[in-house]
Amino acid sequence: MAACLIISLAAILVFDLTRPAIKPTPIVTPFTVSASLLPTAKPDQRVIKISLGPTGRFGVYTNGPQLPASVRNKFLTFSPTGDTSNTRIWLDGNTPIFGEGGKLTSLATQGGVDRLVWENGPLVVTQTLDYVIGPSGQGDTVRIQYDLANRDKIPHQVGMRVLIDTLIGNNDGVPFVIPGQEGMVDKAIDLGPGSLPDTIRALEKPDLSDPGVIINVRTKGAGATPPDRAVISTWYGKDMDWEFLPQAGGPGAFLRRDGKPEGQPDSVIGLYYNPQTLAPGAARRVVSYYGLGNLSSSASGNKKLGLFAPGNVHEGDLFYITAVVAQPQPGETLRLQLPDGLVLDKKEKAEKAVPFGNTDFTQVSWLVQACKAGEKLKIETSLSPGSIKEAILLKVEALGITRPGGACP
């Protein structure tokens, strides 16, 4: 990474003091998802780079000649080595930061897979970071895996929270595209089990034909462990507490430093996996994905309308199809046309109004169920008034595990 980029980014870091952690309600929400993990990327397929700090904090940036020029050598995290992100472990009400305190017993890199083993009291926690094939069909995504093992003779309450200080190319505070949420999300939000989408995305630039970096956080499907909560807010310090949203201004605060409209643009994502009772000798695995996303209009050149859906969809899966509309106008509507094998969720309508506001772009999403396997299933949207259309092709794989939501007709 160019030294000038690192220096310019580091110059705006502010490290705040942490405050005592607030205990969450230890509720675990079951959610059945596709079992298969995203496939591991070979070295020549990788278009991003994982960089580890000395205690296991990690950063991500783009690093591949296969990428368009506008996406090369861009950060996906504010710090190239993750200094401004942290993972906290919940242990009976205490929330130590992974890798700090305790004992680091192993740090190894083999074949591009980074593993760090950390011992803290009765817990042994292994962090594994691997390159996997993401939405673009390249190694554009990091699989973030934690294995938490109780080596004690008594049970313990064990959970975790992964916090990523996001950077979308050269933009540190853009709105987020969250399927299921009307319009764009440009303020702090606390998403619970009923409102968690498959993916959370953000675009570096409001040009749909050339959006620059698109970040993608996958929370469901492809072997991801669905979090109990996903919180988006402003960043306020490198050691942000377990329950950071109140200090970040609470729900509705601006995605700017201190949650104020005049503050420096800044945003983070926190994924919460609430405490569970871990019996003696038992272990718990948590998997999430972070990397590059895609938008159909990047390839089609459509400046008004773009589409995306999560990859790695299986029979029975419930997932979102999302349309992004540039320069929304009053009275615009979008209609979704699905192929045989995909059906709208019973609460959804094929035609929806496009949210209008003073924004560069907005989004409309539909919850869809995959009824059967198929190759190159064509999904199309049309914008009215006018005749602007956009389409994507989706592969639905067999042998998925059916999610809650009812069988297809």
Protein backbone atom coordinates (compact mmCIF):
# COMPACT_ATOMS: atom_id res chain seq x y z
CA MET A 1 0.00 0.00 0.00
CA ALA A 2 1.35 3.36 -0.93
CA ALA A 3 2.96 5.15 2.02
CA CYS A 4 1.14 8.39 1.24
CA LEU A 5 -2.23 6.66 1.59
CA ILE A 6 -1.34 5.23 4.98
CA ILE A 7 0.03 8.55 6.24
CA SER A 8 -3.01 10.51 5.07
CA LEU A 9 -5.42 8.07 6.65
CA ALA A 10 -3.49 7.74 9.89
CA ALA A 11 -3.46 11.51 10.30
CA ILE A 12 -7.18 11.61 11.04
CA LEU A 13 -7.28 8.81 13.60
CA VAL A 14 -8.48 9.76 17.08
CA PHE A 15 -8.17 7.18 19.82
CA ASP A 16 -10.77 7.65 22.54
CA LEU A 17 -10.86 6.13 26.00
CA THR A 18 -13.28 3.26 26.51
CA ARG A 19 -15.98 3.09 29.14
CA PRO A 20 -17.30 0.11 31.14
CA ALA A 21 -19.14 -2.41 28.99
CA ILE A 22 -22.93 -2.65 29.20
CA LYS A 23 -24.26 -6.19 29.58
CA PRO A 24 -26.62 -7.31 26.83
CA THR A 25 -29.58 -9.61 27.29
CA PRO A 26 -28.15 -13.08 26.60
CA ILE A 27 -30.69 -14.21 23.98
CA VAL A 28 -29.76 -16.66 21.26
CA THR A 29 -31.86 -16.62 18.08
CA PRO A 30 -31.73 -19.82 16.00
CA PHE A 31 -31.80 -19.45 12.21
CA THR A 32 -31.21 -22.30 9.77
CA VAL A 33 -29.16 -21.37 6.72
CA SER A 34 -27.35 -22.96 3.81
CA ALA A 35 -24.67 -25.21 5.22
CA SER A 36 -21.93 -24.94 2.59
CA LEU A 37 -19.11 -22.47 3.13
CA LEU A 38 -17.90 -20.19 0.38
CA PRO A 39 -15.07 -21.93 -1.50
CA THR A 40 -11.47 -21.10 -0.67
CA ALA A 41 -9.69 -18.87 -3.21
CA LYS A 42 -6.42 -19.93 -4.78
CA PRO A 43 -3.51 -17.46 -4.56
CA ASP A 44 -3.94 -16.30 -8.17
CA GLN A 45 -7.66 -15.63 -7.55
CA ARG A 46 -7.14 -13.24 -4.65
CA VAL A 47 -7.93 -9.58 -5.29
CA ILE A 48 -7.72 -8.42 -1.67
CA LYS A 49 -5.05 -8.59 1.02
CA ILE A 50 -5.45 -9.43 4.71
CA SER A 51 -2.94 -7.69 6.96
CA LEU A 52 -2.49 -8.68 10.62
CA GLY A 53 -1.47 -6.49 13.52
CA PRO A 54 0.67 -7.87 16.37
CA THR A 55 -2.33 -8.85 18.53
CA GLY A 56 -4.51 -10.26 15.77
CA ARG A 57 -6.44 -7.17 14.77
CA PHE A 58 -6.73 -7.26 11.00
CA GLY A 59 -7.18 -4.92 8.07
CA VAL A 60 -8.22 -5.51 4.46
CA TYR A 61 -7.40 -3.70 1.24
CA THR A 62 -7.70 -4.42 -2.48
CA ASN A 63 -4.64 -5.91 -4.13
CA GLY A 64 -5.06 -7.38 -7.59
CA PRO A 65 -4.46 -6.43 -11.23
CA GLN A 66 -7.73 -8.19 -12.13
CA LEU A 67 -9.67 -5.31 -10.53
CA PRO A 68 -10.80 -2.17 -12.38
CA ALA A 69 -8.41 0.75 -11.92
CA SER A 70 -10.93 2.62 -9.76
CA VAL A 71 -10.93 -0.24 -7.22
CA ARG A 72 -7.23 -1.12 -7.04
CA ASN A 73 -5.16 -0.28 -3.96
CA LYS A 74 -8.13 0.85 -1.88
CA PHE A 75 -8.72 0.19 1.82
CA LEU A 76 -11.75 -1.78 3.02
CA THR A 77 -10.86 -1.01 6.62
CA PHE A 78 -9.63 2.33 7.94
CA SER A 79 -6.36 0.92 9.22
CA PRO A 80 -4.42 -1.44 6.95
CA THR A 81 -3.64 -3.62 9.99
CA GLY A 82 -6.95 -3.22 11.80
CA ASP A 83 -5.71 -0.89 14.55
CA THR A 84 -9.11 0.85 14.73
CA SER A 85 -11.21 -2.34 14.76
CA ASN A 86 -11.56 -4.86 17.57
CA THR A 87 -13.16 -8.18 18.47
CA ARG A 88 -14.43 -8.54 22.02
CA ILE A 89 -15.14 -11.85 23.72
CA TRP A 90 -17.96 -12.08 26.27
CA LEU A 91 -16.88 -14.23 29.22
CA ASP A 92 -19.32 -14.26 32.13
CA GLY A 93 -19.91 -10.51 31.81
CA ASN A 94 -16.33 -9.48 31.12
CA THR A 95 -15.48 -8.35 27.57
CA PRO A 96 -11.72 -8.55 26.88
CA ILE A 97 -10.41 -7.62 23.45
CA PHE A 98 -9.25 -10.65 21.51
CA GLY A 99 -5.46 -10.96 21.54
CA GLU A 100 -4.87 -8.39 24.30
CA GLY A 101 -4.03 -9.66 27.77
CA GLY A 102 -4.09 -13.41 28.24
CA LYS A 103 -1.57 -15.37 26.25
CA LEU A 104 -0.88 -15.55 22.53
CA THR A 105 0.14 -19.15 21.97
CA SER A 106 0.46 -19.38 18.20
CA LEU A 107 0.63 -17.11 15.18
CA ALA A 108 1.01 -18.88 11.87
CA THR A 109 0.42 -18.13 8.22
CA GLN A 110 0.15 -21.09 5.87
CA GLY A 111 -1.13 -20.94 2.31
CA GLY A 112 -2.63 -17.53 2.92
CA VAL A 113 -4.60 -18.66 5.98
CA ASP A 114 -3.83 -16.64 9.12
CA ARG A 115 -4.43 -18.37 12.48
CA LEU A 116 -3.94 -16.86 15.90
CA VAL A 117 -4.59 -18.83 19.09
CA TRP A 118 -5.33 -16.80 22.22
CA GLU A 119 -5.77 -18.09 25.76
CA ASN A 120 -7.68 -16.05 28.31
CA GLY A 121 -8.68 -17.68 31.59
CA PRO A 122 -10.83 -20.73 30.84
CA LEU A 123 -11.11 -19.93 27.13
CA VAL A 124 -9.00 -20.85 24.13
CA VAL A 125 -10.03 -18.75 21.13
CA THR A 126 -8.73 -19.38 17.61
CA GLN A 127 -9.06 -16.67 14.97
CA THR A 128 -8.82 -17.94 11.38
CA LEU A 129 -8.77 -15.54 8.43
CA ASP A 130 -9.02 -17.02 4.95
CA TYR A 131 -9.54 -15.83 1.37
CA VAL A 132 -12.75 -17.12 -0.25
CA ILE A 133 -14.63 -16.70 -3.53
CA GLY A 134 -17.15 -13.88 -3.17
CA PRO A 135 -19.79 -12.15 -5.32
CA SER A 136 -17.42 -11.39 -8.21
CA GLY A 137 -16.32 -15.01 -8.60
CA GLN A 138 -12.82 -14.03 -7.44
CA GLY A 139 -11.05 -14.17 -4.09
CA ASP A 140 -12.64 -10.90 -2.99
CA THR A 141 -13.83 -11.87 0.50
CA VAL A 142 -12.35 -12.68 3.92
CA ARG A 143 -13.86 -15.53 5.90
CA ILE A 144 -13.61 -14.47 9.55
CA GLN A 145 -13.85 -17.50 11.81
CA TYR A 146 -13.60 -17.78 15.59
CA ASP A 147 -13.55 -21.04 17.55
CA LEU A 148 -14.21 -20.54 21.26
CA ALA A 149 -13.41 -23.52 23.48
CA ASN A 150 -14.09 -23.90 27.22
CA ARG A 151 -11.19 -25.78 28.80
CA ASP A 152 -12.56 -25.38 32.33
CA LYS A 153 -14.34 -27.95 34.52
CA ILE A 154 -17.39 -25.70 34.88
CA PRO A 155 -19.67 -24.04 32.32
CA HIS A 156 -19.25 -20.40 31.25
CA GLN A 157 -21.33 -17.83 29.40
CA VAL A 158 -19.48 -17.12 26.16
CA GLY A 159 -20.28 -14.74 23.30
CA MET A 160 -18.49 -12.32 21.02
CA ARG A 161 -18.75 -9.10 19.05
CA VAL A 162 -16.81 -8.38 15.86
CA LEU A 163 -16.37 -4.66 15.13
CA ILE A 164 -14.99 -3.53 11.75
CA ASP A 165 -13.98 0.08 11.17
CA THR A 166 -15.20 0.23 7.60
CA LEU A 167 -13.62 2.32 4.88
CA ILE A 168 -15.24 2.31 1.45
CA GLY A 169 -12.34 3.14 -0.84
CA ASN A 170 -11.59 6.79 -0.13
CA ASN A 171 -14.93 7.43 1.59
CA ASP A 172 -15.29 6.86 5.33
CA GLY A 173 -18.95 7.67 5.95
CA VAL A 174 -21.20 6.74 3.02
CA PRO A 175 -24.81 5.53 3.36
CA PHE A 176 -25.40 1.77 3.61
CA VAL A 177 -27.59 -0.38 1.37
CA ILE A 178 -29.48 -2.65 3.76
CA PRO A 179 -32.08 -4.91 2.11
CA GLY A 180 -35.37 -4.76 3.95
CA GLN A 181 -34.79 -1.18 5.15
CA GLU A 182 -36.54 1.50 3.11
CA GLY A 183 -34.20 3.78 1.20
CA MET A 184 -30.60 4.32 2.21
CA VAL A 185 -29.34 4.01 5.79
CA ASP A 186 -27.27 7.11 6.56
CA LYS A 187 -27.71 7.15 10.35
CA ALA A 188 -26.93 4.75 13.17
CA ILE A 189 -29.13 1.65 13.23
CA ASP A 190 -29.52 -1.41 15.46
CA LEU A 191 -30.72 -4.41 13.46
CA GLY A 192 -32.23 -7.29 15.41
CA PRO A 193 -33.06 -10.85 14.27
CA GLY A 194 -36.27 -9.81 12.48
CA SER A 195 -34.54 -7.13 10.41
CA LEU A 196 -31.19 -8.73 9.57
CA PRO A 197 -30.63 -9.10 5.82
CA ASP A 198 -28.35 -11.59 4.07
CA THR A 199 -25.86 -8.87 3.19
CA ILE A 200 -25.06 -5.26 4.03
CA ARG A 201 -23.38 -3.18 1.31
CA ALA A 202 -22.03 0.32 0.78
CA LEU A 203 -20.89 2.12 -2.38
CA GLU A 204 -17.87 4.41 -2.49
CA LYS A 205 -19.39 6.68 -5.17
CA PRO A 206 -22.99 7.46 -6.23
CA ASP A 207 -22.23 6.62 -9.88
CA LEU A 208 -23.95 3.26 -10.49
CA SER A 209 -21.92 2.58 -13.64
CA ASP A 210 -18.67 3.27 -11.78
CA PRO A 211 -19.38 2.93 -8.04
CA GLY A 212 -15.75 2.35 -7.08
CA VAL A 213 -15.32 0.10 -4.05
CA ILE A 214 -18.41 -1.76 -2.86
CA ILE A 215 -18.06 -3.38 0.54
CA ASN A 216 -20.10 -6.46 1.37
CA VAL A 217 -20.81 -7.91 4.82
CA ARG A 218 -22.50 -11.31 4.63
CA THR A 219 -24.49 -12.22 7.73
CA LYS A 220 -26.59 -15.20 6.57
CA GLY A 221 -26.13 -18.09 4.20
CA ALA A 222 -22.94 -19.65 2.81
CA GLY A 223 -22.13 -21.04 6.24
CA ALA A 224 -22.20 -17.66 7.99
CA THR A 225 -23.34 -17.65 11.61
CA PRO A 226 -26.33 -15.27 11.73
CA PRO A 227 -25.60 -12.62 14.36
CA ASP A 228 -28.16 -11.75 17.00
CA ARG A 229 -27.64 -8.08 16.14
CA ALA A 230 -25.85 -5.94 13.59
CA VAL A 231 -25.14 -2.35 14.63
CA ILE A 232 -23.99 0.41 12.29
CA SER A 233 -22.83 3.65 13.90
CA THR A 234 -20.03 6.17 13.97
CA TRP A 235 -16.51 5.23 15.07
CA TYR A 236 -15.24 6.91 18.26
CA GLY A 237 -12.15 4.99 19.38
CA LYS A 238 -9.88 2.06 18.64
CA ASP A 239 -11.06 0.06 21.68
CA MET A 240 -14.80 0.65 21.32
CA ASP A 241 -16.78 -1.04 24.08
CA TRP A 242 -18.93 -4.14 23.75
CA GLU A 243 -22.08 -1.99 23.77
CA PHE A 244 -20.80 0.98 21.76
CA LEU A 245 -24.01 2.40 20.29
CA PRO A 246 -24.98 4.64 23.26
CA GLN A 247 -21.59 6.37 23.28
CA ALA A 248 -21.75 6.68 19.47
CA GLY A 249 -24.93 8.74 19.77
CA GLY A 250 -27.59 6.03 19.81
CA PRO A 251 -29.94 4.98 16.98
CA GLY A 252 -30.45 7.77 14.48
CA ALA A 253 -27.11 9.48 15.12
CA PHE A 254 -25.19 10.69 12.07
CA LEU A 255 -22.46 8.43 10.69
CA ARG A 256 -19.96 11.11 11.59
CA ARG A 257 -17.49 11.45 14.45
CA ASP A 258 -19.39 11.92 17.75
CA GLY A 259 -22.66 11.38 15.86
CA LYS A 260 -22.86 15.08 14.96
CA PRO A 261 -23.73 16.39 11.46
CA GLU A 262 -20.60 18.56 11.38
CA GLY A 263 -18.27 15.73 12.43
CA GLN A 264 -15.76 13.84 10.30
CA PRO A 265 -17.54 11.15 8.21
CA ASP A 266 -16.91 7.82 9.90
CA SER A 267 -18.70 4.50 10.28
CA VAL A 268 -18.33 1.05 11.82
CA ILE A 269 -20.23 -2.24 11.73
CA GLY A 270 -20.58 -4.43 14.81
CA LEU A 271 -21.81 -8.04 14.63
CA TYR A 272 -23.07 -9.45 17.95
CA TYR A 273 -23.22 -13.13 18.86
CA ASN A 274 -24.93 -13.18 22.23
CA PRO A 275 -23.70 -15.27 25.17
CA GLN A 276 -24.45 -18.97 25.26
CA THR A 277 -23.69 -21.47 27.98
CA LEU A 278 -20.55 -23.34 27.00
CA ALA A 279 -20.21 -26.63 28.88
CA PRO A 280 -16.82 -27.96 30.05
CA GLY A 281 -14.86 -29.10 27.02
CA ALA A 282 -17.42 -27.64 24.60
CA ALA A 283 -16.67 -25.27 21.72
CA ARG A 284 -18.57 -22.71 19.68
CA ARG A 285 -17.80 -21.56 16.12
CA VAL A 286 -18.72 -18.15 14.67
CA VAL A 287 -18.25 -17.36 10.96
CA SER A 288 -18.80 -14.09 9.07
CA TYR A 289 -17.67 -12.67 5.73
CA TYR A 290 -16.28 -9.26 4.77
CA GLY A 291 -15.01 -8.10 1.42
CA LEU A 292 -15.97 -6.67 -1.93
CA GLY A 293 -19.51 -6.60 -3.30
CA ASN A 294 -20.80 -6.17 -6.83
CA LEU A 295 -23.56 -4.30 -8.65
CA SER A 296 -24.88 -5.31 -12.06
CA SER A 297 -24.71 -1.76 -13.43
CA SER A 298 -20.90 -1.78 -13.11
CA ALA A 299 -20.89 -4.20 -16.04
CA SER A 300 -23.98 -3.03 -17.93
CA GLY A 301 -23.17 0.69 -17.75
CA ASN A 302 -26.69 1.48 -16.53
CA LYS A 303 -26.39 4.81 -14.71
CA LYS A 304 -29.94 4.77 -13.37
CA LEU A 305 -30.52 1.23 -12.12
CA GLY A 306 -28.42 -1.60 -10.65
CA LEU A 307 -29.21 -5.00 -9.11
CA PHE A 308 -27.56 -7.42 -6.70
CA ALA A 309 -28.36 -10.63 -4.83
CA PRO A 310 -26.24 -12.76 -2.50
CA GLY A 311 -24.19 -15.49 -4.11
CA ASN A 312 -24.23 -19.12 -2.96
CA VAL A 313 -28.04 -19.52 -2.91
CA HIS A 314 -29.53 -22.97 -2.30
CA GLU A 315 -32.95 -24.56 -2.67
CA GLY A 316 -35.22 -23.39 0.14
CA ASP A 317 -33.20 -20.27 0.94
CA LEU A 318 -34.93 -16.99 1.70
CA PHE A 319 -32.86 -14.08 0.42
CA TYR A 320 -33.13 -10.49 -0.77
CA ILE A 321 -32.94 -9.15 -4.30
CA THR A 322 -32.02 -5.47 -4.18
CA ALA A 323 -32.31 -2.71 -6.75
CA VAL A 324 -30.32 0.53 -6.43
CA VAL A 325 -31.85 3.58 -8.13
CA ALA A 326 -29.84 6.73 -8.89
CA GLN A 327 -31.35 10.22 -8.63
CA PRO A 328 -34.79 9.01 -7.44
CA GLN A 329 -37.76 11.05 -8.65
CA PRO A 330 -41.30 11.42 -7.26
CA GLY A 331 -43.74 8.83 -8.58
CA GLU A 332 -41.17 6.27 -9.71
CA THR A 333 -41.97 2.58 -9.23
CA LEU A 334 -40.02 -0.64 -9.69
CA ARG A 335 -41.44 -3.99 -10.76
CA LEU A 336 -39.65 -7.29 -10.15
CA GLN A 337 -40.01 -10.17 -12.59
CA LEU A 338 -38.91 -13.59 -11.36
CA PRO A 339 -38.18 -16.77 -13.33
CA ASP A 340 -39.68 -20.15 -12.63
CA GLY A 341 -38.13 -21.51 -9.46
CA LEU A 342 -38.12 -18.25 -7.49
CA VAL A 343 -41.16 -16.87 -5.67
CA LEU A 344 -41.84 -13.71 -3.71
CA ASP A 345 -42.35 -14.05 0.01
CA LYS A 346 -46.08 -13.87 0.78
CA LYS A 347 -45.69 -10.43 2.42
CA GLU A 348 -44.02 -8.93 -0.65
CA LYS A 349 -45.43 -7.18 -3.73
CA ALA A 350 -43.83 -7.33 -7.16
CA GLU A 351 -44.27 -3.58 -7.73
CA LYS A 352 -42.98 -1.06 -5.19
CA ALA A 353 -42.65 2.69 -4.98
CA VAL A 354 -39.12 4.06 -5.16
CA PRO A 355 -38.35 6.01 -1.96
CA PHE A 356 -37.89 9.66 -2.82
CA GLY A 357 -35.67 12.10 -0.98
CA ASN A 358 -32.69 14.37 -1.30
CA THR A 359 -30.26 11.51 -1.99
CA ASP A 360 -27.91 10.53 -4.80
CA PHE A 361 -29.36 7.04 -4.84
CA THR A 362 -31.79 4.81 -2.96
CA GLN A 363 -32.74 1.14 -2.82
CA VAL A 364 -35.74 -1.17 -3.11
CA SER A 365 -35.58 -4.80 -2.01
CA TRP A 366 -37.72 -7.91 -2.23
CA LEU A 367 -37.61 -11.03 -0.05
CA VAL A 368 -37.57 -14.07 -2.31
CA GLN A 369 -37.49 -17.84 -1.80
CA ALA A 370 -35.61 -20.29 -3.99
CA CYS A 371 -37.89 -23.24 -4.71
CA LYS A 372 -35.64 -25.38 -6.88
CA ALA A 373 -32.14 -25.55 -8.25
CA GLY A 374 -31.35 -23.89 -11.55
CA GLU A 375 -28.60 -22.36 -13.69
CA LYS A 376 -28.66 -18.76 -14.96
CA LEU A 377 -32.08 -17.85 -13.58
CA LYS A 378 -32.88 -14.41 -15.01
CA ILE A 379 -34.14 -11.79 -12.56
CA GLU A 380 -35.30 -8.51 -14.08
CA THR A 381 -36.52 -5.16 -12.80
CA SER A 382 -38.19 -2.38 -14.77
CA LEU A 383 -38.45 1.26 -13.71
CA SER A 384 -41.57 3.35 -14.42
CA PRO A 385 -42.19 5.84 -15.88
CA GLY A 386 -39.85 5.11 -18.76
CA SER A 387 -38.43 1.86 -20.03
CA ILE A 388 -35.24 1.39 -18.01
CA LYS A 389 -34.56 -2.24 -17.18
CA GLU A 390 -31.77 -4.15 -15.48
CA ALA A 391 -31.26 -7.91 -15.08
CA ILE A 392 -29.00 -10.38 -13.29
CA LEU A 393 -28.46 -14.12 -13.63
CA LEU A 394 -28.61 -16.24 -10.49
CA LYS A 395 -27.53 -19.80 -9.85
CA VAL A 396 -29.52 -21.77 -7.26
CA GLU A 397 -27.71 -24.85 -5.99
CA ALA A 398 -29.33 -28.07 -4.84
CA LEU A 399 -29.22 -29.58 -1.35
CA GLY A 400 -29.65 -26.35 0.60
CA ILE A 401 -31.18 -26.53 4.07
CA THR A 402 -34.63 -24.92 4.03
CA ARG A 403 -34.88 -21.74 6.06
CA PRO A 404 -37.95 -20.81 8.09
CA GLY A 405 -40.65 -19.14 6.05
CA GLY A 406 -42.75 -21.93 4.58
CA ALA A 407 -42.40 -24.27 1.65
CA CYS A 408 -42.62 -23.03 -1.92
CA PRO A 409 -45.93 -23.65 -3.69
